[in-house]
Amino acid sequence: MLSNLLRDLPASANDAETFEAVLLRPDVKIERIVSTGQASPPDFWYCQPQSEWVLIIQGAAGLQLEGEAQERVLQVGDFVNIPAHCRHRVNWTRAEPPTIWLAVHYEYPAGERPE
């Protein structure tokens, strides 16, 4: 079980982000996301049925919310709440040190549960 967000990071040779559940409950999912330079594919936008609160623990990232002219540059300690159904994308993440996010997914629609 994951007990320290800054330890036991996945190998940097991995080309994909890693998503690790820290806590799963019927109405909330908390996960650690480790990014090593990844970004959303061109013209791709996330649009989730639940809200998501994210915090940068290490590294940095550029987060774009639909309708905002400028991306939000997130540094260590910065957080943002992304409402359900808000289209958003990750424009970039810092590779060194790896960018570590703490993500809290909440307000799941009735009948849906965290994975």
N, C-alpha and C. Protein backbone atom coordinates (compact mmCIF):
# COMPACT_ATOMS: atom_id res chain seq x y z
N MET A 1 0.84 -1.18 0.00
CA MET A 1 0.00 0.00 0.00
C MET A 1 0.88 1.24 0.00
N LEU A 2 0.49 2.22 -0.76
CA LEU A 2 1.20 3.48 -0.86
C LEU A 2 1.04 4.25 0.45
N SER A 3 2.18 4.65 1.07
CA SER A 3 2.09 5.37 2.33
C SER A 3 2.89 6.67 2.35
N ASN A 4 3.63 6.94 1.25
CA ASN A 4 4.36 8.20 1.13
C ASN A 4 4.30 8.62 -0.33
N LEU A 5 3.77 9.80 -0.58
CA LEU A 5 3.56 10.26 -1.96
C LEU A 5 4.85 10.53 -2.70
N LEU A 6 5.96 10.72 -1.99
CA LEU A 6 7.23 11.08 -2.63
C LEU A 6 8.18 9.90 -2.78
N ARG A 7 7.78 8.73 -2.29
CA ARG A 7 8.66 7.56 -2.39
C ARG A 7 8.09 6.53 -3.34
N ASP A 8 8.97 5.58 -3.69
CA ASP A 8 8.58 4.46 -4.54
C ASP A 8 7.94 4.93 -5.84
N LEU A 9 8.61 5.89 -6.48
CA LEU A 9 8.12 6.39 -7.77
C LEU A 9 8.37 5.36 -8.86
N PRO A 10 7.53 5.32 -9.86
CA PRO A 10 7.75 4.38 -10.97
C PRO A 10 9.01 4.75 -11.74
N ALA A 11 9.57 3.78 -12.44
CA ALA A 11 10.78 4.00 -13.23
C ALA A 11 10.56 5.10 -14.25
N SER A 12 11.53 6.00 -14.41
CA SER A 12 11.38 7.12 -15.34
C SER A 12 11.42 6.68 -16.79
N ALA A 13 11.83 5.45 -17.05
CA ALA A 13 11.86 4.96 -18.43
C ALA A 13 10.45 4.72 -18.97
N ASN A 14 9.49 4.66 -18.08
CA ASN A 14 8.10 4.45 -18.47
C ASN A 14 7.61 5.70 -19.20
N ASP A 15 7.04 5.53 -20.40
CA ASP A 15 6.57 6.67 -21.19
C ASP A 15 5.19 7.14 -20.80
N ALA A 16 4.52 6.42 -19.92
CA ALA A 16 3.15 6.77 -19.55
C ALA A 16 3.10 7.32 -18.13
N GLU A 17 2.12 8.16 -17.90
CA GLU A 17 1.85 8.59 -16.54
C GLU A 17 1.40 7.39 -15.72
N THR A 18 1.61 7.45 -14.42
CA THR A 18 1.09 6.39 -13.56
C THR A 18 0.03 6.95 -12.63
N PHE A 19 -0.99 6.16 -12.40
CA PHE A 19 -2.11 6.53 -11.56
C PHE A 19 -2.22 5.46 -10.48
N GLU A 20 -2.07 5.86 -9.22
CA GLU A 20 -2.11 4.91 -8.12
C GLU A 20 -3.14 5.36 -7.10
N ALA A 21 -4.09 4.49 -6.80
CA ALA A 21 -5.11 4.81 -5.82
C ALA A 21 -4.49 4.89 -4.43
N VAL A 22 -4.81 5.94 -3.72
CA VAL A 22 -4.41 6.11 -2.33
C VAL A 22 -5.58 5.74 -1.43
N LEU A 23 -6.79 6.09 -1.87
CA LEU A 23 -8.00 5.79 -1.11
C LEU A 23 -9.16 5.64 -2.08
N LEU A 24 -9.93 4.57 -1.93
CA LEU A 24 -11.14 4.35 -2.73
C LEU A 24 -12.33 4.18 -1.80
N ARG A 25 -13.35 4.97 -2.02
CA ARG A 25 -14.59 4.89 -1.27
C ARG A 25 -15.73 5.06 -2.27
N PRO A 26 -16.96 4.70 -1.90
CA PRO A 26 -18.06 4.81 -2.85
C PRO A 26 -18.25 6.20 -3.44
N ASP A 27 -17.88 7.25 -2.71
CA ASP A 27 -18.13 8.60 -3.20
C ASP A 27 -16.87 9.42 -3.45
N VAL A 28 -15.70 8.83 -3.29
CA VAL A 28 -14.46 9.59 -3.49
C VAL A 28 -13.32 8.64 -3.88
N LYS A 29 -12.45 9.16 -4.74
CA LYS A 29 -11.21 8.45 -5.08
C LYS A 29 -10.07 9.45 -4.95
N ILE A 30 -9.04 9.07 -4.19
CA ILE A 30 -7.84 9.88 -4.07
C ILE A 30 -6.72 9.09 -4.72
N GLU A 31 -5.97 9.76 -5.60
CA GLU A 31 -4.90 9.06 -6.29
C GLU A 31 -3.66 9.91 -6.42
N ARG A 32 -2.53 9.22 -6.53
CA ARG A 32 -1.26 9.88 -6.85
C ARG A 32 -1.05 9.68 -8.33
N ILE A 33 -0.76 10.78 -9.01
CA ILE A 33 -0.43 10.73 -10.43
C ILE A 33 1.02 11.17 -10.56
N VAL A 34 1.82 10.38 -11.27
CA VAL A 34 3.22 10.74 -11.51
C VAL A 34 3.39 10.96 -13.01
N SER A 35 3.79 12.19 -13.35
CA SER A 35 4.00 12.58 -14.75
C SER A 35 5.48 12.86 -14.96
N THR A 36 5.99 12.40 -16.09
CA THR A 36 7.41 12.62 -16.41
C THR A 36 7.53 13.25 -17.80
N GLY A 37 6.87 14.40 -17.94
CA GLY A 37 6.94 15.12 -19.21
C GLY A 37 5.74 14.90 -20.11
N GLN A 38 4.75 14.16 -19.66
CA GLN A 38 3.58 13.89 -20.50
C GLN A 38 2.69 15.12 -20.61
N ALA A 39 1.87 15.10 -21.65
CA ALA A 39 0.87 16.14 -21.89
C ALA A 39 -0.32 15.47 -22.57
N SER A 40 -1.45 16.13 -22.55
CA SER A 40 -2.62 15.62 -23.26
C SER A 40 -2.32 15.61 -24.76
N PRO A 41 -2.83 14.63 -25.49
CA PRO A 41 -2.64 14.63 -26.94
C PRO A 41 -3.23 15.90 -27.57
N PRO A 42 -2.71 16.31 -28.72
CA PRO A 42 -3.26 17.50 -29.39
C PRO A 42 -4.77 17.36 -29.58
N ASP A 43 -5.48 18.44 -29.34
CA ASP A 43 -6.93 18.51 -29.52
C ASP A 43 -7.73 17.58 -28.61
N PHE A 44 -7.09 16.99 -27.58
CA PHE A 44 -7.80 16.13 -26.63
C PHE A 44 -8.14 16.93 -25.37
N TRP A 45 -9.36 16.77 -24.91
CA TRP A 45 -9.81 17.41 -23.67
C TRP A 45 -10.42 16.36 -22.76
N TYR A 46 -10.05 16.38 -21.49
CA TYR A 46 -10.73 15.57 -20.49
C TYR A 46 -12.09 16.22 -20.22
N CYS A 47 -13.09 15.39 -19.96
CA CYS A 47 -14.41 15.88 -19.55
C CYS A 47 -15.02 14.77 -18.70
N GLN A 48 -14.94 14.93 -17.39
CA GLN A 48 -15.29 13.87 -16.46
C GLN A 48 -16.64 14.14 -15.80
N PRO A 49 -17.38 13.08 -15.47
CA PRO A 49 -18.68 13.26 -14.82
C PRO A 49 -18.57 13.65 -13.35
N GLN A 50 -17.38 13.53 -12.77
CA GLN A 50 -17.17 13.91 -11.38
C GLN A 50 -16.24 15.12 -11.29
N SER A 51 -16.28 15.80 -10.16
CA SER A 51 -15.37 16.91 -9.91
C SER A 51 -14.00 16.36 -9.53
N GLU A 52 -12.97 17.18 -9.72
CA GLU A 52 -11.60 16.75 -9.39
C GLU A 52 -10.84 17.93 -8.80
N TRP A 53 -10.25 17.70 -7.64
CA TRP A 53 -9.38 18.68 -6.98
C TRP A 53 -7.97 18.14 -7.11
N VAL A 54 -7.04 18.94 -7.66
CA VAL A 54 -5.66 18.48 -7.83
C VAL A 54 -4.69 19.44 -7.14
N LEU A 55 -3.62 18.86 -6.61
CA LEU A 55 -2.57 19.59 -5.91
C LEU A 55 -1.23 19.10 -6.45
N ILE A 56 -0.32 20.04 -6.74
CA ILE A 56 1.03 19.66 -7.17
C ILE A 56 1.89 19.47 -5.92
N ILE A 57 2.40 18.26 -5.75
CA ILE A 57 3.25 17.91 -4.61
C ILE A 57 4.72 18.16 -4.97
N GLN A 58 5.07 17.90 -6.23
CA GLN A 58 6.44 18.04 -6.73
C GLN A 58 6.37 18.33 -8.22
N GLY A 59 7.32 19.10 -8.72
CA GLY A 59 7.35 19.39 -10.15
C GLY A 59 6.48 20.58 -10.52
N ALA A 60 5.96 20.56 -11.74
CA ALA A 60 5.13 21.65 -12.24
C ALA A 60 4.35 21.15 -13.45
N ALA A 61 3.28 21.89 -13.77
CA ALA A 61 2.45 21.51 -14.91
C ALA A 61 1.71 22.71 -15.45
N GLY A 62 1.31 22.62 -16.71
CA GLY A 62 0.46 23.63 -17.33
C GLY A 62 -0.91 23.03 -17.56
N LEU A 63 -1.91 23.58 -16.90
CA LEU A 63 -3.29 23.08 -16.99
C LEU A 63 -4.14 24.11 -17.72
N GLN A 64 -4.86 23.67 -18.73
CA GLN A 64 -5.73 24.55 -19.51
C GLN A 64 -7.17 24.16 -19.26
N LEU A 65 -7.99 25.12 -18.85
CA LEU A 65 -9.42 24.90 -18.71
C LEU A 65 -10.11 25.55 -19.90
N GLU A 66 -11.07 24.85 -20.49
CA GLU A 66 -11.78 25.39 -21.64
C GLU A 66 -12.41 26.73 -21.26
N GLY A 67 -12.28 27.69 -22.16
CA GLY A 67 -12.86 29.00 -21.94
C GLY A 67 -11.91 29.99 -21.29
N GLU A 68 -10.77 29.51 -20.80
CA GLU A 68 -9.77 30.41 -20.23
C GLU A 68 -8.70 30.68 -21.27
N ALA A 69 -8.35 31.94 -21.44
CA ALA A 69 -7.39 32.34 -22.48
C ALA A 69 -5.99 31.83 -22.19
N GLN A 70 -5.60 31.78 -20.93
CA GLN A 70 -4.24 31.36 -20.58
C GLN A 70 -4.27 30.08 -19.76
N GLU A 71 -3.22 29.29 -19.95
CA GLU A 71 -3.10 28.10 -19.11
C GLU A 71 -2.74 28.51 -17.68
N ARG A 72 -3.06 27.65 -16.76
CA ARG A 72 -2.67 27.85 -15.37
C ARG A 72 -1.37 27.09 -15.15
N VAL A 73 -0.34 27.80 -14.75
CA VAL A 73 0.94 27.17 -14.44
C VAL A 73 0.90 26.80 -12.96
N LEU A 74 0.94 25.50 -12.71
CA LEU A 74 0.87 24.99 -11.34
C LEU A 74 2.26 24.61 -10.87
N GLN A 75 2.65 25.15 -9.73
CA GLN A 75 3.93 24.85 -9.09
C GLN A 75 3.65 24.10 -7.80
N VAL A 76 4.69 23.68 -7.11
CA VAL A 76 4.54 22.97 -5.85
C VAL A 76 3.64 23.76 -4.89
N GLY A 77 2.65 23.08 -4.37
CA GLY A 77 1.71 23.69 -3.43
C GLY A 77 0.48 24.29 -4.08
N ASP A 78 0.49 24.48 -5.40
CA ASP A 78 -0.68 25.04 -6.09
C ASP A 78 -1.74 23.96 -6.27
N PHE A 79 -2.99 24.37 -6.16
CA PHE A 79 -4.10 23.44 -6.36
C PHE A 79 -5.21 24.13 -7.13
N VAL A 80 -6.07 23.31 -7.71
CA VAL A 80 -7.21 23.82 -8.47
C VAL A 80 -8.35 22.81 -8.35
N ASN A 81 -9.56 23.33 -8.31
CA ASN A 81 -10.74 22.49 -8.34
C ASN A 81 -11.33 22.54 -9.75
N ILE A 82 -11.53 21.37 -10.33
CA ILE A 82 -12.08 21.26 -11.68
C ILE A 82 -13.50 20.71 -11.54
N PRO A 83 -14.51 21.53 -11.81
CA PRO A 83 -15.90 21.06 -11.66
C PRO A 83 -16.21 19.92 -12.63
N ALA A 84 -17.18 19.10 -12.26
CA ALA A 84 -17.65 18.04 -13.15
C ALA A 84 -18.01 18.64 -14.51
N HIS A 85 -17.70 17.92 -15.56
CA HIS A 85 -18.01 18.28 -16.96
C HIS A 85 -17.26 19.51 -17.46
N CYS A 86 -16.26 19.96 -16.74
CA CYS A 86 -15.42 21.08 -17.21
C CYS A 86 -14.31 20.51 -18.09
N ARG A 87 -14.32 20.88 -19.34
CA ARG A 87 -13.28 20.38 -20.25
C ARG A 87 -11.95 21.01 -19.88
N HIS A 88 -10.91 20.14 -19.81
CA HIS A 88 -9.58 20.60 -19.42
C HIS A 88 -8.53 19.69 -20.04
N ARG A 89 -7.31 20.20 -20.09
CA ARG A 89 -6.20 19.43 -20.65
C ARG A 89 -4.91 19.80 -19.95
N VAL A 90 -3.95 18.90 -20.00
CA VAL A 90 -2.62 19.15 -19.46
C VAL A 90 -1.72 19.50 -20.64
N ASN A 91 -1.22 20.74 -20.67
CA ASN A 91 -0.38 21.18 -21.79
C ASN A 91 1.05 20.68 -21.67
N TRP A 92 1.54 20.52 -20.45
CA TRP A 92 2.90 20.03 -20.21
C TRP A 92 3.06 19.65 -18.74
N THR A 93 4.04 18.81 -18.48
CA THR A 93 4.45 18.50 -17.11
C THR A 93 5.97 18.48 -17.06
N ARG A 94 6.50 18.86 -15.94
CA ARG A 94 7.96 18.80 -15.75
C ARG A 94 8.37 17.35 -15.57
N ALA A 95 9.47 16.98 -16.26
CA ALA A 95 9.97 15.61 -16.18
C ALA A 95 10.95 15.41 -15.03
N GLU A 96 11.76 16.42 -14.76
CA GLU A 96 12.77 16.32 -13.70
C GLU A 96 12.68 17.52 -12.79
N PRO A 97 12.38 17.35 -11.53
CA PRO A 97 11.94 16.07 -10.97
C PRO A 97 10.56 15.73 -11.52
N PRO A 98 10.17 14.47 -11.42
CA PRO A 98 8.84 14.10 -11.90
C PRO A 98 7.76 14.96 -11.24
N THR A 99 6.72 15.21 -11.96
CA THR A 99 5.59 15.96 -11.42
C THR A 99 4.67 14.97 -10.69
N ILE A 100 4.43 15.25 -9.42
CA ILE A 100 3.56 14.40 -8.62
C ILE A 100 2.32 15.21 -8.26
N TRP A 101 1.18 14.66 -8.64
CA TRP A 101 -0.11 15.27 -8.37
C TRP A 101 -0.81 14.46 -7.28
N LEU A 102 -1.59 15.13 -6.46
CA LEU A 102 -2.55 14.46 -5.60
C LEU A 102 -3.91 14.86 -6.16
N ALA A 103 -4.68 13.87 -6.59
CA ALA A 103 -5.98 14.13 -7.21
C ALA A 103 -7.09 13.53 -6.36
N VAL A 104 -8.10 14.33 -6.10
CA VAL A 104 -9.27 13.88 -5.35
C VAL A 104 -10.47 14.00 -6.28
N HIS A 105 -11.04 12.86 -6.64
CA HIS A 105 -12.23 12.80 -7.48
C HIS A 105 -13.43 12.63 -6.56
N TYR A 106 -14.43 13.49 -6.72
CA TYR A 106 -15.57 13.45 -5.80
C TYR A 106 -16.85 13.85 -6.52
N GLU A 107 -17.97 13.74 -5.80
CA GLU A 107 -19.30 14.00 -6.35
C GLU A 107 -19.59 13.11 -7.56
N TYR A 108 -19.49 11.84 -7.32
CA TYR A 108 -19.80 10.88 -8.38
C TYR A 108 -21.30 10.87 -8.64
N PRO A 109 -21.71 10.84 -9.91
CA PRO A 109 -23.13 10.77 -10.21
C PRO A 109 -23.74 9.50 -9.60
N ALA A 110 -25.02 9.54 -9.32
CA ALA A 110 -25.72 8.40 -8.72
C ALA A 110 -25.49 7.14 -9.55
N GLY A 111 -25.15 6.07 -8.88
CA GLY A 111 -24.93 4.80 -9.56
C GLY A 111 -23.52 4.59 -10.06
N GLU A 112 -22.68 5.61 -10.07
CA GLU A 112 -21.29 5.44 -10.51
C GLU A 112 -20.40 5.36 -9.28
N ARG A 113 -19.35 4.59 -9.39
CA ARG A 113 -18.42 4.41 -8.29
C ARG A 113 -16.99 4.62 -8.79
N PRO A 114 -16.09 5.03 -7.91
CA PRO A 114 -14.69 5.15 -8.32
C PRO A 114 -14.15 3.79 -8.77
N GLU A 115 -13.22 3.85 -9.71
CA GLU A 115 -12.60 2.61 -10.20
C GLU A 115 -11.53 2.15 -9.27
